[in-house]
């Protein structure tokens, strides 16, 4: 019974893997939000008549 209170190596490994995947997910969410913010900023600039260089150069080709 005492062994059940101590986490087995595989349990510890799984927990660290879960922590890393959670860290990874948080990073993905942050990157997605950053990209969305940049897109919104570019759209706002375009609406103000200032072309976003990348998109216009692609459409002009």
PDB file of N, CA and C in Angstrom:
ATOM      1  N   UNK A   1       0.825  -1.210   0.000  1.00  0.00           N
ATOM      2  CA  UNK A   1       0.000   0.000   0.000  1.00  0.00           C
ATOM      3  C   UNK A   1       0.862   1.263   0.000  1.00  0.00           C
ATOM      4  N   UNK A   2       1.978   1.189   0.690  1.00  0.00           N
ATOM      5  CA  UNK A   2       2.843   2.369   0.775  1.00  0.00           C
ATOM      6  C   UNK A   2       3.321   2.791  -0.615  1.00  0.00           C
ATOM      7  N   UNK A   3       3.471   1.819  -1.504  1.00  0.00           N
ATOM      8  CA  UNK A   3       3.969   2.129  -2.848  1.00  0.00           C
ATOM      9  C   UNK A   3       2.981   3.017  -3.609  1.00  0.00           C
ATOM     10  N   UNK A   4       1.712   2.939  -3.278  1.00  0.00           N
ATOM     11  CA  UNK A   4       0.720   3.726  -4.011  1.00  0.00           C
ATOM     12  C   UNK A   4       0.851   5.218  -3.713  1.00  0.00           C
ATOM     13  N   UNK A   5       1.363   5.550  -2.533  1.00  0.00           N
ATOM     14  CA  UNK A   5       1.481   6.966  -2.188  1.00  0.00           C
ATOM     15  C   UNK A   5       2.647   7.616  -2.922  1.00  0.00           C
ATOM     16  N   UNK A   6       3.685   6.812  -3.185  1.00  0.00           N
ATOM     17  CA  UNK A   6       4.841   7.352  -3.899  1.00  0.00           C
ATOM     18  C   UNK A   6       4.562   7.259  -5.399  1.00  0.00           C
ATOM     19  N   UNK A   7       4.684   8.343  -6.138  1.00  0.00           N
ATOM     20  CA  UNK A   7       4.424   8.257  -7.584  1.00  0.00           C
ATOM     21  C   UNK A   7       5.450   7.366  -8.256  1.00  0.00           C
ATOM     22  N   UNK A   8       5.003   6.476  -9.102  1.00  0.00           N
ATOM     23  CA  UNK A   8       5.923   5.593  -9.819  1.00  0.00           C
ATOM     24  C   UNK A   8       6.660   6.404 -10.888  1.00  0.00           C
ATOM     25  N   UNK A   9       7.815   5.938 -11.335  1.00  0.00           N
ATOM     26  CA  UNK A   9       8.572   6.685 -12.355  1.00  0.00           C
ATOM     27  C   UNK A   9       7.739   7.000 -13.588  1.00  0.00           C
ATOM     28  N   UNK A  10       6.910   6.044 -14.013  1.00  0.00           N
ATOM     29  CA  UNK A  10       6.113   6.279 -15.219  1.00  0.00           C
ATOM     30  C   UNK A  10       5.105   7.406 -14.980  1.00  0.00           C
ATOM     31  N   UNK A  11       4.541   7.465 -13.757  1.00  0.00           N
ATOM     32  CA  UNK A  11       3.594   8.539 -13.441  1.00  0.00           C
ATOM     33  C   UNK A  11       4.303   9.886 -13.482  1.00  0.00           C
ATOM     34  N   UNK A  12       5.499   9.943 -12.885  1.00  0.00           N
ATOM     35  CA  UNK A  12       6.257  11.195 -12.887  1.00  0.00           C
ATOM     36  C   UNK A  12       6.574  11.611 -14.319  1.00  0.00           C
ATOM     37  N   UNK A  13       6.935  10.629 -15.135  1.00  0.00           N
ATOM     38  CA  UNK A  13       7.266  10.926 -16.528  1.00  0.00           C
ATOM     39  C   UNK A  13       6.042  11.489 -17.243  1.00  0.00           C
ATOM     40  N   UNK A  14       4.879  10.849 -16.986  1.00  0.00           N
ATOM     41  CA  UNK A  14       3.662  11.303 -17.649  1.00  0.00           C
ATOM     42  C   UNK A  14       3.329  12.731 -17.207  1.00  0.00           C
ATOM     43  N   UNK A  15       3.508  13.010 -15.913  1.00  0.00           N
ATOM     44  CA  UNK A  15       3.190  14.351 -15.420  1.00  0.00           C
ATOM     45  C   UNK A  15       4.083  15.396 -16.080  1.00  0.00           C
ATOM     46  N   UNK A  16       5.385  15.098 -16.200  1.00  0.00           N
ATOM     47  CA  UNK A  16       6.275  16.077 -16.818  1.00  0.00           C
ATOM     48  C   UNK A  16       5.907  16.260 -18.288  1.00  0.00           C
ATOM     49  N   UNK A  17       5.494  15.178 -18.946  1.00  0.00           N
ATOM     50  CA  UNK A  17       5.079  15.279 -20.345  1.00  0.00           C
ATOM     51  C   UNK A  17       3.829  16.144 -20.450  1.00  0.00           C
ATOM     52  N   UNK A  18       2.897  15.961 -19.509  1.00  0.00           N
ATOM     53  CA  UNK A  18       1.677  16.774 -19.519  1.00  0.00           C
ATOM     54  C   UNK A  18       2.018  18.238 -19.300  1.00  0.00           C
ATOM     55  N   UNK A  19       2.964  18.498 -18.378  1.00  0.00           N
ATOM     56  CA  UNK A  19       3.359  19.887 -18.135  1.00  0.00           C
ATOM     57  C   UNK A  19       3.942  20.495 -19.403  1.00  0.00           C
ATOM     58  N   UNK A  20       4.785  19.722 -20.099  1.00  0.00           N
ATOM     59  CA  UNK A  20       5.403  20.260 -21.303  1.00  0.00           C
ATOM     60  C   UNK A  20       4.372  20.484 -22.394  1.00  0.00           C
ATOM     61  N   UNK A  21       3.407  19.577 -22.530  1.00  0.00           N
ATOM     62  CA  UNK A  21       2.391  19.760 -23.559  1.00  0.00           C
ATOM     63  C   UNK A  21       1.520  20.966 -23.205  1.00  0.00           C
ATOM     64  N   UNK A  22       1.277  21.189 -21.918  1.00  0.00           N
ATOM     65  CA  UNK A  22       0.509  22.367 -21.500  1.00  0.00           C
ATOM     66  C   UNK A  22       1.287  23.633 -21.836  1.00  0.00           C
ATOM     67  N   UNK A  23       2.604  23.595 -21.589  1.00  0.00           N
ATOM     68  CA  UNK A  23       3.446  24.742 -21.914  1.00  0.00           C
ATOM     69  C   UNK A  23       3.392  25.001 -23.413  1.00  0.00           C
ATOM     70  N   UNK A  24       3.470  23.913 -24.189  1.00  0.00           N
ATOM     71  CA  UNK A  24       3.447  24.017 -25.647  1.00  0.00           C
ATOM     72  C   UNK A  24       2.122  24.611 -26.111  1.00  0.00           C
ATOM     73  N   UNK A  25       1.010  24.129 -25.523  1.00  0.00           N
ATOM     74  CA  UNK A  25      -0.312  24.648 -25.906  1.00  0.00           C
ATOM     75  C   UNK A  25      -0.415  26.134 -25.592  1.00  0.00           C
ATOM     76  N   UNK A  26       0.082  26.533 -24.425  1.00  0.00           N
ATOM     77  CA  UNK A  26       0.036  27.946 -24.050  1.00  0.00           C
ATOM     78  C   UNK A  26       0.816  28.775 -25.062  1.00  0.00           C
ATOM     79  N   UNK A  27       1.963  28.260 -25.485  1.00  0.00           N
ATOM     80  CA  UNK A  27       2.788  28.966 -26.474  1.00  0.00           C
ATOM     81  C   UNK A  27       2.037  29.085 -27.795  1.00  0.00           C
ATOM     82  N   UNK A  28       1.374  28.006 -28.223  1.00  0.00           N
ATOM     83  CA  UNK A  28       0.608  28.025 -29.469  1.00  0.00           C
ATOM     84  C   UNK A  28      -0.494  29.083 -29.394  1.00  0.00           C
ATOM     85  N   UNK A  29      -1.195  29.120 -28.255  1.00  0.00           N
ATOM     86  CA  UNK A  29      -2.276  30.095 -28.082  1.00  0.00           C
ATOM     87  C   UNK A  29      -1.714  31.508 -28.180  1.00  0.00           C
ATOM     88  N   UNK A  30      -0.559  31.727 -27.532  1.00  0.00           N
ATOM     89  CA  UNK A  30       0.049  33.053 -27.541  1.00  0.00           C
ATOM     90  C   UNK A  30       0.425  33.446 -28.969  1.00  0.00           C
ATOM     91  N   UNK A  31       1.001  32.515 -29.714  1.00  0.00           N
ATOM     92  CA  UNK A  31       1.402  32.813 -31.090  1.00  0.00           C
ATOM     93  C   UNK A  31       0.179  33.114 -31.949  1.00  0.00           C
ATOM     94  N   UNK A  32      -0.894  32.338 -31.739  1.00  0.00           N
ATOM     95  CA  UNK A  32      -2.113  32.551 -32.516  1.00  0.00           C
ATOM     96  C   UNK A  32      -2.679  33.940 -32.243  1.00  0.00           C
ATOM     97  N   UNK A  33      -2.704  34.326 -30.954  1.00  0.00           N
ATOM     98  CA  UNK A  33      -3.227  35.649 -30.604  1.00  0.00           C
ATOM     99  C   UNK A  33      -2.363  36.740 -31.224  1.00  0.00           C
ATOM    100  N   UNK A  34      -1.042  36.541 -31.192  1.00  0.00           N
ATOM    101  CA  UNK A  34      -0.134  37.530 -31.762  1.00  0.00           C
ATOM    102  C   UNK A  34      -0.383  37.677 -33.258  1.00  0.00           C
ATOM    103  N   UNK A  35      -0.549  36.552 -33.951  1.00  0.00           N
ATOM    104  CA  UNK A  35      -0.797  36.582 -35.393  1.00  0.00           C
ATOM    105  C   UNK A  35      -2.118  37.286 -35.688  1.00  0.00           C
ATOM    106  N   UNK A  36      -3.140  36.988 -34.891  1.00  0.00           N
ATOM    107  CA  UNK A  36      -4.445  37.621 -35.090  1.00  0.00           C
ATOM    108  C   UNK A  36      -4.333  39.128 -34.876  1.00  0.00           C
ATOM    109  N   UNK A  37      -3.561  39.525 -33.843  1.00  0.00           N
ATOM    110  CA  UNK A  37      -3.367  40.944 -33.579  1.00  0.00           C
ATOM    111  C   UNK A  37      -2.688  41.613 -34.768  1.00  0.00           C
ATOM    112  N   UNK A  38      -1.664  40.945 -35.318  1.00  0.00           N
ATOM    113  CA  UNK A  38      -0.948  41.523 -36.451  1.00  0.00           C
ATOM    114  C   UNK A  38      -1.862  41.648 -37.663  1.00  0.00           C
ATOM    115  N   UNK A  39      -2.693  40.602 -37.900  1.00  0.00           N
ATOM    116  CA  UNK A  39      -3.631  40.655 -39.032  1.00  0.00           C
ATOM    117  C   UNK A  39      -4.606  41.812 -38.858  1.00  0.00           C
ATOM    118  N   UNK A  40      -5.134  41.965 -37.643  1.00  0.00           N
ATOM    119  CA  UNK A  40      -6.093  43.039 -37.381  1.00  0.00           C
ATOM    120  C   UNK A  40      -5.428  44.394 -37.610  1.00  0.00           C
ATOM    121  N   UNK A  41      -4.175  44.517 -37.163  1.00  0.00           N
ATOM    122  CA  UNK A  41      -3.436  45.775 -37.335  1.00  0.00           C
ATOM    123  C   UNK A  41      -3.244  46.064 -38.826  1.00  0.00           C
ATOM    124  N   UNK A  42      -2.885  45.057 -39.601  1.00  0.00           N
ATOM    125  CA  UNK A  42      -2.684  45.239 -41.043  1.00  0.00           C
ATOM    126  C   UNK A  42      -3.998  45.635 -41.707  1.00  0.00           C
ATOM    127  N   UNK A  43      -5.096  44.991 -41.308  1.00  0.00           N
ATOM    128  CA  UNK A  43      -6.404  45.309 -41.885  1.00  0.00           C
ATOM    129  C   UNK A  43      -6.783  46.748 -41.551  1.00  0.00           C
ATOM    130  N   UNK A  44      -6.490  47.172 -40.317  1.00  0.00           N
ATOM    131  CA  UNK A  44      -6.812  48.533 -39.911  1.00  0.00           C
ATOM    132  C   UNK A  44      -5.999  49.525 -40.750  1.00  0.00           C
ATOM    133  N   UNK A  45      -4.704  49.239 -40.932  1.00  0.00           N
ATOM    134  CA  UNK A  45      -3.861  50.129 -41.737  1.00  0.00           C
ATOM    135  C   UNK A  45      -4.382  50.203 -43.163  1.00  0.00           C
ATOM    136  N   UNK A  46      -4.775  49.042 -43.704  1.00  0.00           N
ATOM    137  CA  UNK A  46      -5.267  49.006 -45.073  1.00  0.00           C
ATOM    138  C   UNK A  46      -6.546  49.836 -45.188  1.00  0.00           C
ATOM    139  N   UNK A  47      -7.405  49.749 -44.167  1.00  0.00           N
ATOM    140  CA  UNK A  47      -8.658  50.502 -44.178  1.00  0.00           C
ATOM    141  C   UNK A  47      -8.365  51.999 -44.159  1.00  0.00           C
ATOM    142  N   UNK A  48      -7.241  52.382 -43.534  1.00  0.00           N
ATOM    143  CA  UNK A  48      -6.870  53.796 -43.489  1.00  0.00           C
ATOM    144  C   UNK A  48      -6.209  54.245 -44.786  1.00  0.00           C
ATOM    145  N   UNK A  49      -6.079  53.332 -45.747  1.00  0.00           N
ATOM    146  CA  UNK A  49      -5.507  53.701 -47.032  1.00  0.00           C
ATOM    147  C   UNK A  49      -4.005  53.484 -47.098  1.00  0.00           C
ATOM    148  N   UNK A  50      -3.406  52.942 -46.040  1.00  0.00           N
ATOM    149  CA  UNK A  50      -1.969  52.652 -46.066  1.00  0.00           C
ATOM    150  C   UNK A  50      -1.805  51.179 -46.406  1.00  0.00           C
ATOM    151  N   UNK A  51      -1.345  50.849 -47.608  1.00  0.00           N
ATOM    152  CA  UNK A  51      -1.305  49.443 -48.019  1.00  0.00           C
ATOM    153  C   UNK A  51      -0.340  48.636 -47.167  1.00  0.00           C
ATOM    154  N   UNK A  52      -0.710  47.407 -46.834  1.00  0.00           N
ATOM    155  CA  UNK A  52       0.231  46.524 -46.152  1.00  0.00           C
ATOM    156  C   UNK A  52       1.109  45.937 -47.242  1.00  0.00           C
ATOM    157  N   UNK A  53       2.388  46.236 -47.196  1.00  0.00           N
ATOM    158  CA  UNK A  53       3.293  45.972 -48.319  1.00  0.00           C
ATOM    159  C   UNK A  53       3.218  44.538 -48.814  1.00  0.00           C
ATOM    160  N   UNK A  54       3.173  43.563 -47.891  1.00  0.00           N
ATOM    161  CA  UNK A  54       3.260  42.179 -48.334  1.00  0.00           C
ATOM    162  C   UNK A  54       2.055  41.790 -49.192  1.00  0.00           C
ATOM    163  N   UNK A  55       0.845  42.091 -48.715  1.00  0.00           N
ATOM    164  CA  UNK A  55      -0.335  41.623 -49.429  1.00  0.00           C
ATOM    165  C   UNK A  55      -0.447  42.311 -50.791  1.00  0.00           C
ATOM    166  N   UNK A  56      -0.192  43.612 -50.854  1.00  0.00           N
ATOM    167  CA  UNK A  56      -0.347  44.314 -52.127  1.00  0.00           C
ATOM    168  C   UNK A  56       0.699  43.841 -53.121  1.00  0.00           C
ATOM    169  N   UNK A  57       1.934  43.614 -52.680  1.00  0.00           N
ATOM    170  CA  UNK A  57       2.967  43.156 -53.613  1.00  0.00           C
ATOM    171  C   UNK A  57       2.585  41.799 -54.191  1.00  0.00           C
ATOM    172  N   UNK A  58       1.947  40.943 -53.373  1.00  0.00           N
ATOM    173  CA  UNK A  58       1.528  39.635 -53.890  1.00  0.00           C
ATOM    174  C   UNK A  58       0.404  39.801 -54.914  1.00  0.00           C
ATOM    175  N   UNK A  59      -0.555  40.675 -54.643  1.00  0.00           N
ATOM    176  CA  UNK A  59      -1.699  40.793 -55.545  1.00  0.00           C
ATOM    177  C   UNK A  59      -1.301  41.522 -56.827  1.00  0.00           C
ATOM    178  N   UNK A  60      -0.275  42.353 -56.788  1.00  0.00           N
ATOM    179  CA  UNK A  60       0.153  43.072 -57.989  1.00  0.00           C
ATOM    180  C   UNK A  60       0.875  42.155 -58.968  1.00  0.00           C
ATOM    181  N   UNK A  61       1.496  41.067 -58.468  1.00  0.00           N
ATOM    182  CA  UNK A  61       2.243  40.166 -59.341  1.00  0.00           C
ATOM    183  C   UNK A  61       1.344  39.398 -60.296  1.00  0.00           C
TER     184      UNK A  61
END
